[in-house]
N, C-alpha and C. Protein backbone atom coordinates (compact mmCIF):
# COMPACT_ATOMS: atom_id res chain seq x y z
N MET A 1 -42.30 13.26 -75.42
CA MET A 1 -43.02 14.33 -74.63
C MET A 1 -42.73 15.64 -75.23
N SER A 2 -43.73 16.53 -75.18
CA SER A 2 -43.61 17.85 -75.76
C SER A 2 -44.30 18.88 -74.87
N ILE A 3 -44.17 20.12 -75.36
CA ILE A 3 -44.93 21.18 -74.74
C ILE A 3 -46.01 21.54 -75.72
N VAL A 4 -47.27 21.50 -75.26
CA VAL A 4 -48.41 21.80 -76.11
C VAL A 4 -48.87 23.24 -75.79
N VAL A 5 -49.13 24.00 -76.87
CA VAL A 5 -49.55 25.38 -76.69
C VAL A 5 -50.87 25.59 -77.44
N GLY A 6 -51.86 26.11 -76.71
CA GLY A 6 -53.16 26.37 -77.36
C GLY A 6 -53.06 27.72 -78.07
N VAL A 7 -53.57 27.70 -79.32
CA VAL A 7 -53.55 28.88 -80.17
C VAL A 7 -54.94 29.37 -80.41
N SER A 8 -55.26 30.56 -80.07
CA SER A 8 -56.61 31.15 -80.26
C SER A 8 -56.82 31.49 -81.74
N PRO A 9 -57.94 31.11 -82.29
CA PRO A 9 -58.22 31.48 -83.72
C PRO A 9 -58.53 32.92 -83.90
N THR A 10 -58.69 33.66 -82.79
CA THR A 10 -58.93 35.12 -82.93
C THR A 10 -57.68 35.99 -82.66
N THR A 11 -56.85 35.55 -81.73
CA THR A 11 -55.70 36.36 -81.39
C THR A 11 -54.36 35.82 -81.85
N GLY A 12 -54.30 34.50 -82.08
CA GLY A 12 -53.03 33.84 -82.49
C GLY A 12 -52.18 33.53 -81.34
N SER A 13 -52.49 33.98 -80.13
CA SER A 13 -51.77 33.67 -78.87
C SER A 13 -50.25 33.81 -78.98
N PRO A 14 -49.78 34.99 -79.44
CA PRO A 14 -48.34 35.15 -79.65
C PRO A 14 -47.51 35.04 -78.39
N SER A 15 -47.97 35.53 -77.24
CA SER A 15 -47.15 35.41 -76.03
C SER A 15 -47.08 34.00 -75.56
N ALA A 16 -48.18 33.21 -75.70
CA ALA A 16 -48.15 31.83 -75.29
C ALA A 16 -47.24 31.05 -76.20
N LEU A 17 -47.28 31.33 -77.50
CA LEU A 17 -46.39 30.64 -78.46
C LEU A 17 -44.93 30.94 -78.16
N ARG A 18 -44.58 32.19 -77.90
CA ARG A 18 -43.20 32.53 -77.63
C ARG A 18 -42.70 31.94 -76.33
N TRP A 19 -43.55 31.97 -75.29
CA TRP A 19 -43.16 31.42 -74.03
C TRP A 19 -42.96 29.90 -74.11
N ALA A 20 -43.92 29.23 -74.80
CA ALA A 20 -43.79 27.78 -74.96
C ALA A 20 -42.54 27.41 -75.71
N ALA A 21 -42.20 28.16 -76.80
CA ALA A 21 -41.03 27.88 -77.56
C ALA A 21 -39.76 28.08 -76.71
N ALA A 22 -39.72 29.12 -75.93
CA ALA A 22 -38.57 29.38 -75.09
C ALA A 22 -38.38 28.24 -74.00
N GLU A 23 -39.51 27.86 -73.43
CA GLU A 23 -39.45 26.79 -72.45
C GLU A 23 -39.07 25.44 -73.11
N ALA A 24 -39.57 25.17 -74.27
CA ALA A 24 -39.27 23.91 -74.93
C ALA A 24 -37.76 23.84 -75.30
N GLN A 25 -37.19 25.02 -75.66
CA GLN A 25 -35.76 25.08 -75.94
C GLN A 25 -34.98 24.76 -74.69
N LEU A 26 -35.39 25.33 -73.54
CA LEU A 26 -34.70 25.05 -72.27
C LEU A 26 -34.75 23.56 -71.90
N ARG A 27 -35.92 22.93 -72.15
CA ARG A 27 -36.13 21.53 -71.81
C ARG A 27 -35.61 20.58 -72.87
N GLY A 28 -35.33 21.07 -74.05
CA GLY A 28 -34.92 20.20 -75.18
C GLY A 28 -36.03 19.31 -75.69
N VAL A 29 -37.24 19.85 -75.73
CA VAL A 29 -38.40 19.09 -76.19
C VAL A 29 -39.08 19.85 -77.36
N PRO A 30 -39.87 19.16 -78.15
CA PRO A 30 -40.56 19.83 -79.25
C PRO A 30 -41.81 20.60 -78.74
N VAL A 31 -42.28 21.51 -79.62
CA VAL A 31 -43.50 22.25 -79.36
C VAL A 31 -44.62 21.77 -80.28
N LYS A 32 -45.80 21.60 -79.74
CA LYS A 32 -46.95 21.27 -80.55
C LYS A 32 -47.97 22.40 -80.39
N ALA A 33 -48.26 23.14 -81.46
CA ALA A 33 -49.27 24.21 -81.45
C ALA A 33 -50.59 23.61 -81.85
N VAL A 34 -51.63 23.86 -81.03
CA VAL A 34 -52.94 23.27 -81.20
C VAL A 34 -54.03 24.33 -81.33
N MET A 35 -54.87 24.19 -82.32
CA MET A 35 -55.98 25.10 -82.43
C MET A 35 -57.25 24.26 -82.66
N ALA A 36 -58.29 24.63 -82.00
CA ALA A 36 -59.57 23.94 -82.10
C ALA A 36 -60.30 24.49 -83.36
N TRP A 37 -61.09 23.60 -83.99
CA TRP A 37 -61.85 23.98 -85.16
C TRP A 37 -63.21 23.39 -85.08
N ARG A 38 -64.25 24.18 -85.31
CA ARG A 38 -65.58 23.65 -85.41
C ARG A 38 -66.21 24.03 -86.69
N ALA A 39 -66.98 23.15 -87.28
CA ALA A 39 -67.69 23.47 -88.50
C ALA A 39 -68.70 24.53 -88.17
N PRO A 40 -68.81 25.50 -89.09
CA PRO A 40 -69.83 26.59 -88.85
C PRO A 40 -71.23 25.96 -88.89
N ARG A 41 -72.11 26.53 -88.11
CA ARG A 41 -73.52 26.04 -88.08
C ARG A 41 -74.21 26.59 -89.36
N PRO A 42 -75.01 25.69 -90.01
CA PRO A 42 -75.71 26.11 -91.17
C PRO A 42 -76.71 27.21 -90.80
N PRO A 43 -76.99 28.16 -91.72
CA PRO A 43 -77.96 29.22 -91.40
C PRO A 43 -79.34 28.61 -91.13
N ALA A 44 -80.00 29.19 -90.19
CA ALA A 44 -81.38 28.74 -89.86
C ALA A 44 -82.30 29.15 -91.00
N GLY A 45 -83.14 28.17 -91.44
CA GLY A 45 -84.09 28.40 -92.50
C GLY A 45 -85.45 28.69 -91.90
N ALA A 46 -86.33 29.09 -92.73
CA ALA A 46 -87.68 29.33 -92.31
C ALA A 46 -88.32 27.96 -91.96
N PRO A 47 -89.26 27.91 -91.02
CA PRO A 47 -89.88 26.68 -90.63
C PRO A 47 -90.47 25.99 -91.90
N GLY A 48 -90.23 24.71 -91.98
CA GLY A 48 -90.77 23.92 -93.10
C GLY A 48 -90.00 24.02 -94.38
N VAL A 49 -88.93 24.81 -94.45
CA VAL A 49 -88.19 25.01 -95.65
C VAL A 49 -86.85 24.27 -95.52
N ARG A 50 -86.46 23.45 -96.52
CA ARG A 50 -85.21 22.68 -96.46
C ARG A 50 -84.11 23.63 -96.91
N PRO A 51 -82.94 23.45 -96.25
CA PRO A 51 -81.80 24.25 -96.69
C PRO A 51 -81.36 23.83 -98.10
N PRO A 52 -80.78 24.77 -98.81
CA PRO A 52 -80.30 24.43 -100.17
C PRO A 52 -79.33 23.26 -100.13
N ALA A 53 -79.31 22.50 -101.21
CA ALA A 53 -78.44 21.33 -101.31
C ALA A 53 -76.98 21.73 -101.21
N SER A 54 -76.60 22.93 -101.60
CA SER A 54 -75.22 23.35 -101.58
C SER A 54 -74.77 23.90 -100.29
N ALA A 55 -75.66 23.86 -99.23
CA ALA A 55 -75.31 24.43 -97.93
C ALA A 55 -74.04 23.76 -97.34
N GLY A 56 -73.84 22.49 -97.57
CA GLY A 56 -72.71 21.81 -96.99
C GLY A 56 -71.44 21.82 -97.83
N LEU A 57 -71.60 22.31 -99.08
CA LEU A 57 -70.43 22.28 -99.93
C LEU A 57 -69.36 23.26 -99.48
N GLY A 58 -68.13 22.97 -99.70
CA GLY A 58 -67.06 23.84 -99.36
C GLY A 58 -66.55 23.64 -97.91
N SER A 59 -67.29 22.84 -97.09
CA SER A 59 -66.86 22.71 -95.75
C SER A 59 -65.59 21.84 -95.65
N THR A 60 -65.28 21.11 -96.65
CA THR A 60 -64.12 20.24 -96.57
C THR A 60 -62.82 21.04 -96.62
N ASP A 61 -62.83 22.23 -97.16
CA ASP A 61 -61.59 23.06 -97.23
C ASP A 61 -61.45 23.91 -95.98
N GLN A 62 -62.42 23.94 -95.07
CA GLN A 62 -62.29 24.78 -93.87
C GLN A 62 -61.24 24.28 -92.91
N PRO A 63 -61.08 22.96 -92.68
CA PRO A 63 -59.98 22.53 -91.81
C PRO A 63 -58.63 22.89 -92.43
N ALA A 64 -58.52 22.82 -93.73
CA ALA A 64 -57.25 23.24 -94.43
C ALA A 64 -57.01 24.70 -94.16
N GLY A 65 -58.06 25.52 -94.20
CA GLY A 65 -57.93 26.92 -93.91
C GLY A 65 -57.51 27.22 -92.46
N ALA A 66 -58.00 26.40 -91.55
CA ALA A 66 -57.62 26.50 -90.18
C ALA A 66 -56.18 26.11 -89.95
N ARG A 67 -55.72 25.08 -90.68
CA ARG A 67 -54.29 24.68 -90.54
C ARG A 67 -53.38 25.79 -91.12
N ARG A 68 -53.80 26.38 -92.21
CA ARG A 68 -53.01 27.44 -92.79
C ARG A 68 -52.94 28.66 -91.84
N GLN A 69 -54.11 28.98 -91.23
CA GLN A 69 -54.15 30.08 -90.27
C GLN A 69 -53.25 29.80 -89.06
N LEU A 70 -53.27 28.57 -88.56
CA LEU A 70 -52.43 28.16 -87.45
C LEU A 70 -50.96 28.34 -87.78
N ARG A 71 -50.57 27.82 -88.95
CA ARG A 71 -49.16 27.94 -89.42
C ARG A 71 -48.79 29.41 -89.48
N GLU A 72 -49.66 30.30 -89.99
CA GLU A 72 -49.40 31.72 -90.09
C GLU A 72 -49.19 32.35 -88.68
N TYR A 73 -50.03 31.98 -87.72
CA TYR A 73 -49.88 32.46 -86.36
C TYR A 73 -48.56 32.04 -85.79
N VAL A 74 -48.17 30.76 -85.98
CA VAL A 74 -46.87 30.33 -85.45
C VAL A 74 -45.72 31.03 -86.10
N GLU A 75 -45.78 31.24 -87.40
CA GLU A 75 -44.71 31.97 -88.07
C GLU A 75 -44.62 33.43 -87.65
N ALA A 76 -45.81 34.08 -87.42
CA ALA A 76 -45.82 35.45 -86.97
C ALA A 76 -45.23 35.61 -85.59
N ALA A 77 -45.47 34.65 -84.73
CA ALA A 77 -45.00 34.73 -83.33
C ALA A 77 -43.53 34.29 -83.19
N LEU A 78 -43.16 33.31 -83.96
CA LEU A 78 -41.80 32.78 -83.77
C LEU A 78 -40.81 33.01 -84.92
N GLY A 79 -41.27 33.62 -85.97
CA GLY A 79 -40.41 33.91 -87.12
C GLY A 79 -40.33 32.81 -88.08
N ALA A 80 -40.54 31.58 -87.65
CA ALA A 80 -40.54 30.39 -88.53
C ALA A 80 -41.31 29.29 -87.80
N SER A 81 -41.89 28.43 -88.64
CA SER A 81 -42.64 27.33 -88.01
C SER A 81 -41.91 26.01 -88.03
N ASP A 82 -40.64 26.04 -88.52
CA ASP A 82 -39.87 24.82 -88.53
C ASP A 82 -39.71 24.29 -87.11
N GLY A 83 -39.96 22.99 -86.99
CA GLY A 83 -39.72 22.38 -85.68
C GLY A 83 -40.96 22.44 -84.81
N VAL A 84 -42.02 23.18 -85.21
CA VAL A 84 -43.21 23.27 -84.44
C VAL A 84 -44.31 22.41 -85.11
N GLU A 85 -44.83 21.41 -84.43
CA GLU A 85 -45.87 20.61 -85.00
C GLU A 85 -47.16 21.41 -84.84
N CYS A 86 -47.93 21.56 -85.92
CA CYS A 86 -49.18 22.29 -85.93
C CYS A 86 -50.32 21.31 -86.06
N GLU A 87 -51.25 21.37 -85.17
CA GLU A 87 -52.37 20.45 -85.17
C GLU A 87 -53.68 21.16 -84.99
N VAL A 88 -54.61 20.95 -85.90
CA VAL A 88 -56.01 21.50 -85.81
C VAL A 88 -56.84 20.33 -85.38
N VAL A 89 -57.60 20.51 -84.31
CA VAL A 89 -58.40 19.45 -83.71
C VAL A 89 -59.86 19.89 -83.79
N HIS A 90 -60.71 18.98 -84.32
CA HIS A 90 -62.15 19.28 -84.41
C HIS A 90 -62.75 19.18 -83.03
N GLY A 91 -63.47 20.18 -82.64
CA GLY A 91 -64.13 20.17 -81.33
C GLY A 91 -63.98 21.46 -80.58
N SER A 92 -64.36 21.43 -79.33
CA SER A 92 -64.24 22.61 -78.50
C SER A 92 -62.79 22.87 -78.12
N GLU A 93 -62.51 24.09 -77.71
CA GLU A 93 -61.14 24.44 -77.25
C GLU A 93 -60.65 23.55 -76.14
N VAL A 94 -61.51 23.36 -75.12
CA VAL A 94 -61.12 22.59 -73.98
C VAL A 94 -60.84 21.12 -74.36
N THR A 95 -61.73 20.54 -75.13
CA THR A 95 -61.57 19.15 -75.54
C THR A 95 -60.31 19.02 -76.38
N ALA A 96 -60.06 19.92 -77.33
CA ALA A 96 -58.90 19.88 -78.22
C ALA A 96 -57.65 19.93 -77.41
N LEU A 97 -57.56 20.88 -76.44
CA LEU A 97 -56.35 21.04 -75.69
C LEU A 97 -56.09 19.84 -74.78
N LEU A 98 -57.11 19.37 -74.09
CA LEU A 98 -56.95 18.22 -73.19
C LEU A 98 -56.50 16.98 -73.93
N SER A 99 -57.12 16.71 -75.07
CA SER A 99 -56.74 15.48 -75.82
C SER A 99 -55.34 15.63 -76.41
N SER A 100 -54.95 16.78 -76.87
CA SER A 100 -53.62 17.01 -77.42
C SER A 100 -52.53 17.01 -76.38
N ALA A 101 -52.87 17.34 -75.14
CA ALA A 101 -51.90 17.45 -74.08
C ALA A 101 -51.67 16.13 -73.35
N ARG A 102 -52.39 15.09 -73.69
CA ARG A 102 -52.18 13.80 -73.02
C ARG A 102 -50.70 13.37 -73.26
N GLY A 103 -50.00 13.13 -72.20
CA GLY A 103 -48.60 12.70 -72.27
C GLY A 103 -47.65 13.84 -72.47
N ALA A 104 -48.13 15.11 -72.48
CA ALA A 104 -47.24 16.25 -72.66
C ALA A 104 -46.54 16.60 -71.33
N GLN A 105 -45.39 17.27 -71.42
CA GLN A 105 -44.72 17.77 -70.21
C GLN A 105 -45.49 18.96 -69.62
N LEU A 106 -46.05 19.75 -70.49
CA LEU A 106 -46.65 21.01 -70.10
C LEU A 106 -47.66 21.48 -71.13
N LEU A 107 -48.70 22.17 -70.66
CA LEU A 107 -49.67 22.76 -71.56
C LEU A 107 -49.71 24.25 -71.30
N VAL A 108 -49.59 25.02 -72.33
CA VAL A 108 -49.58 26.54 -72.22
C VAL A 108 -50.81 27.06 -72.90
N VAL A 109 -51.58 27.90 -72.22
CA VAL A 109 -52.73 28.53 -72.79
C VAL A 109 -52.67 29.99 -72.53
N GLY A 110 -53.31 30.77 -73.38
CA GLY A 110 -53.37 32.24 -73.20
C GLY A 110 -54.58 32.63 -72.43
N GLU A 111 -54.41 33.72 -71.72
CA GLU A 111 -55.53 34.36 -70.99
C GLU A 111 -56.40 35.12 -71.99
N PRO A 112 -57.73 35.18 -71.80
CA PRO A 112 -58.52 35.99 -72.68
C PRO A 112 -58.02 37.47 -72.76
N GLN A 113 -58.15 38.05 -73.89
CA GLN A 113 -57.68 39.39 -74.08
C GLN A 113 -58.51 40.39 -73.26
N PRO A 114 -57.88 41.49 -72.80
CA PRO A 114 -58.65 42.44 -71.98
C PRO A 114 -59.92 42.95 -72.78
N GLY A 115 -60.99 43.01 -72.07
CA GLY A 115 -62.20 43.44 -72.66
C GLY A 115 -63.12 42.33 -73.10
N ARG A 116 -62.56 41.09 -73.14
CA ARG A 116 -63.41 39.99 -73.49
C ARG A 116 -64.31 39.62 -72.32
N ARG A 117 -65.53 39.46 -72.59
CA ARG A 117 -66.46 39.13 -71.49
C ARG A 117 -67.08 37.75 -71.78
N ALA A 118 -67.28 37.02 -70.68
CA ALA A 118 -68.00 35.75 -70.79
C ALA A 118 -69.16 35.76 -69.79
N SER A 119 -70.18 35.09 -70.15
CA SER A 119 -71.38 35.07 -69.29
C SER A 119 -71.08 34.42 -67.96
N MET A 120 -70.23 33.40 -67.99
CA MET A 120 -69.85 32.70 -66.75
C MET A 120 -68.39 32.32 -66.79
N MET A 121 -67.74 32.39 -65.64
CA MET A 121 -66.29 32.06 -65.59
C MET A 121 -66.07 30.65 -66.12
N SER A 122 -66.99 29.71 -65.86
CA SER A 122 -66.76 28.37 -66.28
C SER A 122 -66.73 28.25 -67.82
N SER A 123 -67.21 29.25 -68.52
CA SER A 123 -67.20 29.10 -69.99
C SER A 123 -65.85 29.45 -70.62
N LEU A 124 -64.94 29.98 -69.79
CA LEU A 124 -63.60 30.31 -70.28
C LEU A 124 -62.77 29.07 -70.36
N THR A 125 -61.92 29.04 -71.35
CA THR A 125 -61.05 27.89 -71.62
C THR A 125 -60.06 27.63 -70.49
N ALA A 126 -59.28 28.63 -70.08
CA ALA A 126 -58.21 28.42 -69.15
C ALA A 126 -58.64 27.77 -67.82
N PRO A 127 -59.70 28.22 -67.17
CA PRO A 127 -60.08 27.57 -65.90
C PRO A 127 -60.47 26.11 -66.05
N GLN A 128 -61.14 25.79 -67.12
CA GLN A 128 -61.52 24.40 -67.34
C GLN A 128 -60.31 23.53 -67.62
N VAL A 129 -59.35 24.04 -68.36
CA VAL A 129 -58.12 23.27 -68.72
C VAL A 129 -57.35 23.02 -67.44
N VAL A 130 -57.23 24.10 -66.64
CA VAL A 130 -56.43 23.95 -65.41
C VAL A 130 -57.00 22.87 -64.48
N LEU A 131 -58.33 22.77 -64.42
CA LEU A 131 -58.95 21.79 -63.58
C LEU A 131 -58.91 20.36 -64.11
N LYS A 132 -58.86 20.25 -65.42
CA LYS A 132 -59.01 18.88 -66.03
C LYS A 132 -57.71 18.31 -66.65
N ALA A 133 -56.67 19.10 -66.80
CA ALA A 133 -55.48 18.62 -67.51
C ALA A 133 -54.75 17.59 -66.67
N GLU A 134 -54.11 16.66 -67.35
CA GLU A 134 -53.30 15.61 -66.72
C GLU A 134 -51.81 16.03 -66.60
N CYS A 135 -51.49 17.22 -67.00
CA CYS A 135 -50.13 17.75 -66.97
C CYS A 135 -50.18 19.14 -66.35
N PRO A 136 -49.01 19.69 -65.96
CA PRO A 136 -49.00 21.07 -65.53
C PRO A 136 -49.46 22.03 -66.58
N VAL A 137 -50.11 23.10 -66.19
CA VAL A 137 -50.64 24.12 -67.09
C VAL A 137 -50.11 25.50 -66.77
N VAL A 138 -49.66 26.21 -67.78
CA VAL A 138 -49.21 27.55 -67.64
C VAL A 138 -50.26 28.46 -68.33
N VAL A 139 -50.79 29.44 -67.60
CA VAL A 139 -51.76 30.36 -68.24
C VAL A 139 -51.06 31.71 -68.41
N MET A 140 -50.92 32.13 -69.67
CA MET A 140 -50.24 33.39 -69.94
C MET A 140 -51.23 34.57 -69.87
N PRO A 141 -50.92 35.60 -69.12
CA PRO A 141 -51.75 36.76 -69.17
C PRO A 141 -51.69 37.42 -70.54
N GLY A 142 -52.79 38.03 -70.98
CA GLY A 142 -52.83 38.60 -72.31
C GLY A 142 -51.87 39.80 -72.53
N SER A 143 -51.49 40.44 -71.42
CA SER A 143 -50.65 41.65 -71.54
C SER A 143 -49.15 41.40 -71.49
N VAL A 144 -48.74 40.12 -71.38
CA VAL A 144 -47.31 39.84 -71.28
C VAL A 144 -46.65 39.79 -72.62
N THR A 145 -45.43 40.43 -72.68
CA THR A 145 -44.67 40.35 -73.91
C THR A 145 -43.51 39.45 -73.65
N VAL A 146 -43.39 38.40 -74.46
CA VAL A 146 -42.27 37.46 -74.29
C VAL A 146 -41.38 37.56 -75.52
N THR A 147 -40.10 37.69 -75.27
CA THR A 147 -39.15 37.71 -76.40
C THR A 147 -38.31 36.44 -76.32
N THR A 148 -37.92 35.96 -77.49
CA THR A 148 -37.04 34.85 -77.55
C THR A 148 -35.67 35.28 -77.99
N GLY A 149 -34.69 34.59 -77.59
CA GLY A 149 -33.36 35.04 -77.97
C GLY A 149 -32.27 34.13 -77.65
């Protein structure tokens, strides 16, 4: 069993990572940092025009780039990534977090940053995860500063 923490590809979720690491240390369990990844949509072409044959090339290195970015976020928040399992999951944020948190003791997610707007509350990750998770969920407010020590 572990503590799973969702990491935003835009903010890096530093407060969620630090809180999850501190809680994992108290419980004596490992931390798994999870970031969702989706393949970028190909650019729309003119009607009746086929996209260039090279449009799909290079997509194989994008998951590796996401893994590298996740590791950098973990190191920036915690000082080192040793002992933190980093997992990039293909799909939506909600699906990635729910599947990675199966069997976890706890799931930690970050609140959207101030100023972020969504067209509907249901499109936000945290409320969906809270309703659907099979384990307890902690939602970190974006303005919280957590220190480890």
